[in-house]
Amino acid sequence: MKDLNYALYDIVEMKKEHPCKARSKRFQIVRVGADIKIKCLGCGNTIMLSRDSFNKSFKKVIEHKEDII
C-alpha cells in the first residue's frame, strides 16, 4: 500500500504526465477537501480531481511545503 501523506502546497508526482507542451508529471496541490485541485508546474493550468481519482493517479510526494498563509 502506498503512502498517501500529502498536504496543501506539496509538490507531488503523478503517474501520467499532463498533456501540455512541458509534459510535466509534477503538480502542486492548491486545494484539499472532498475534491483536490492541483496546478501543473509545467504550464500553470489547474485541474480539479475527486479524492478517489487523485489517490489512484498519485505516485509520490516530491517536496513537502509548509503551510503558507
C-alpha atoms as a PDB file:
ATOM      1  CA  MET A   1       0.000   0.000   0.000  1.00  0.00           C
ATOM      2  CA  LYS A   2       1.396   3.388  -0.941  1.00  0.00           C
ATOM      3  CA  ASP A   3       1.892   6.297   1.434  1.00  0.00           C
ATOM      4  CA  LEU A   4      -0.920   8.846   0.970  1.00  0.00           C
ATOM      5  CA  ASN A   5       0.505  11.533   3.266  1.00  0.00           C
ATOM      6  CA  TYR A   6       0.111  14.704   1.232  1.00  0.00           C
ATOM      7  CA  ALA A   7      -0.893  18.190   2.312  1.00  0.00           C
ATOM      8  CA  LEU A   8      -1.702  21.606   0.920  1.00  0.00           C
ATOM      9  CA  TYR A   9       1.073  23.153  -1.232  1.00  0.00           C
ATOM     10  CA  ASP A  10       3.042  19.881  -1.506  1.00  0.00           C
ATOM     11  CA  ILE A  11       4.777  19.145  -4.810  1.00  0.00           C
ATOM     12  CA  VAL A  12       3.639  15.697  -5.984  1.00  0.00           C
ATOM     13  CA  GLU A  13       4.412  13.389  -8.878  1.00  0.00           C
ATOM     14  CA  MET A  14       1.533  11.779 -10.750  1.00  0.00           C
ATOM     15  CA  LYS A  15       1.569   8.525 -12.740  1.00  0.00           C
ATOM     16  CA  LYS A  16       0.621  10.181 -16.034  1.00  0.00           C
ATOM     17  CA  GLU A  17       2.018  13.392 -17.459  1.00  0.00           C
ATOM     18  CA  HIS A  18      -0.102  16.462 -18.137  1.00  0.00           C
ATOM     19  CA  PRO A  19      -0.874  16.797 -21.867  1.00  0.00           C
ATOM     20  CA  CYS A  20       0.696  20.252 -22.111  1.00  0.00           C
ATOM     21  CA  LYS A  21       3.776  21.328 -24.015  1.00  0.00           C
ATOM     22  CA  ALA A  22       6.021  20.735 -20.969  1.00  0.00           C
ATOM     23  CA  ARG A  23       4.734  17.129 -20.445  1.00  0.00           C
ATOM     24  CA  SER A  24       5.231  17.557 -16.698  1.00  0.00           C
ATOM     25  CA  LYS A  25       4.332  14.917 -14.103  1.00  0.00           C
ATOM     26  CA  ARG A  26       4.935  17.383 -11.270  1.00  0.00           C
ATOM     27  CA  PHE A  27       1.989  19.213  -9.720  1.00  0.00           C
ATOM     28  CA  GLN A  28       1.398  21.436  -6.690  1.00  0.00           C
ATOM     29  CA  ILE A  29      -1.637  20.791  -4.502  1.00  0.00           C
ATOM     30  CA  VAL A  30      -3.672  24.006  -4.354  1.00  0.00           C
ATOM     31  CA  ARG A  31      -6.868  22.843  -2.601  1.00  0.00           C
ATOM     32  CA  VAL A  32      -7.637  19.849  -0.392  1.00  0.00           C
ATOM     33  CA  GLY A  33     -11.153  18.757   0.513  1.00  0.00           C
ATOM     34  CA  ALA A  34     -13.635  16.286  -0.938  1.00  0.00           C
ATOM     35  CA  ASP A  35     -12.054  17.321  -4.235  1.00  0.00           C
ATOM     36  CA  ILE A  36      -8.370  18.080  -4.775  1.00  0.00           C
ATOM     37  CA  LYS A  37      -7.173  20.885  -7.043  1.00  0.00           C
ATOM     38  CA  ILE A  38      -3.671  20.579  -8.463  1.00  0.00           C
ATOM     39  CA  LYS A  39      -1.608  23.003 -10.560  1.00  0.00           C
ATOM     40  CA  CYS A  40       0.708  21.784 -13.317  1.00  0.00           C
ATOM     41  CA  LEU A  41       4.234  23.051 -12.711  1.00  0.00           C
ATOM     42  CA  GLY A  42       4.948  22.960 -16.443  1.00  0.00           C
ATOM     43  CA  CYS A  43       2.181  25.191 -17.811  1.00  0.00           C
ATOM     44  CA  GLY A  44       0.340  26.514 -14.728  1.00  0.00           C
ATOM     45  CA  ASN A  45      -3.094  25.073 -15.569  1.00  0.00           C
ATOM     46  CA  THR A  46      -5.212  23.817 -12.669  1.00  0.00           C
ATOM     47  CA  ILE A  47      -7.096  20.535 -12.581  1.00  0.00           C
ATOM     48  CA  MET A  48      -9.868  19.540 -10.162  1.00  0.00           C
ATOM     49  CA  LEU A  49      -9.987  15.828  -9.290  1.00  0.00           C
ATOM     50  CA  SER A  50     -12.103  13.828  -6.885  1.00  0.00           C
ATOM     51  CA  ARG A  51     -10.104  12.476  -3.960  1.00  0.00           C
ATOM     52  CA  ASP A  52     -10.525   8.892  -5.229  1.00  0.00           C
ATOM     53  CA  SER A  53      -9.209   9.636  -8.716  1.00  0.00           C
ATOM     54  CA  PHE A  54      -6.346  11.696  -7.243  1.00  0.00           C
ATOM     55  CA  ASN A  55      -5.360   8.817  -4.937  1.00  0.00           C
ATOM     56  CA  LYS A  56      -5.358   6.413  -7.899  1.00  0.00           C
ATOM     57  CA  SER A  57      -3.128   8.617 -10.054  1.00  0.00           C
ATOM     58  CA  PHE A  58      -0.906   9.897  -7.215  1.00  0.00           C
ATOM     59  CA  LYS A  59       2.630   8.445  -7.228  1.00  0.00           C
ATOM     60  CA  LYS A  60       4.703  10.191  -4.523  1.00  0.00           C
ATOM     61  CA  VAL A  61       5.398  13.437  -2.685  1.00  0.00           C
ATOM     62  CA  ILE A  62       8.489  15.129  -4.126  1.00  0.00           C
ATOM     63  CA  GLU A  63       8.683  18.117  -1.810  1.00  0.00           C
ATOM     64  CA  HIS A  64       6.741  18.909   1.352  1.00  0.00           C
ATOM     65  CA  LYS A  65       5.863  22.601   1.684  1.00  0.00           C
ATOM     66  CA  GLU A  66       4.940  24.242   4.953  1.00  0.00           C
ATOM     67  CA  ASP A  67       1.514  25.894   5.103  1.00  0.00           C
ATOM     68  CA  ILE A  68       1.646  29.323   3.516  1.00  0.00           C
ATOM     69  CA  ILE A  69      -0.817  31.811   4.959  1.00  0.00           C
END
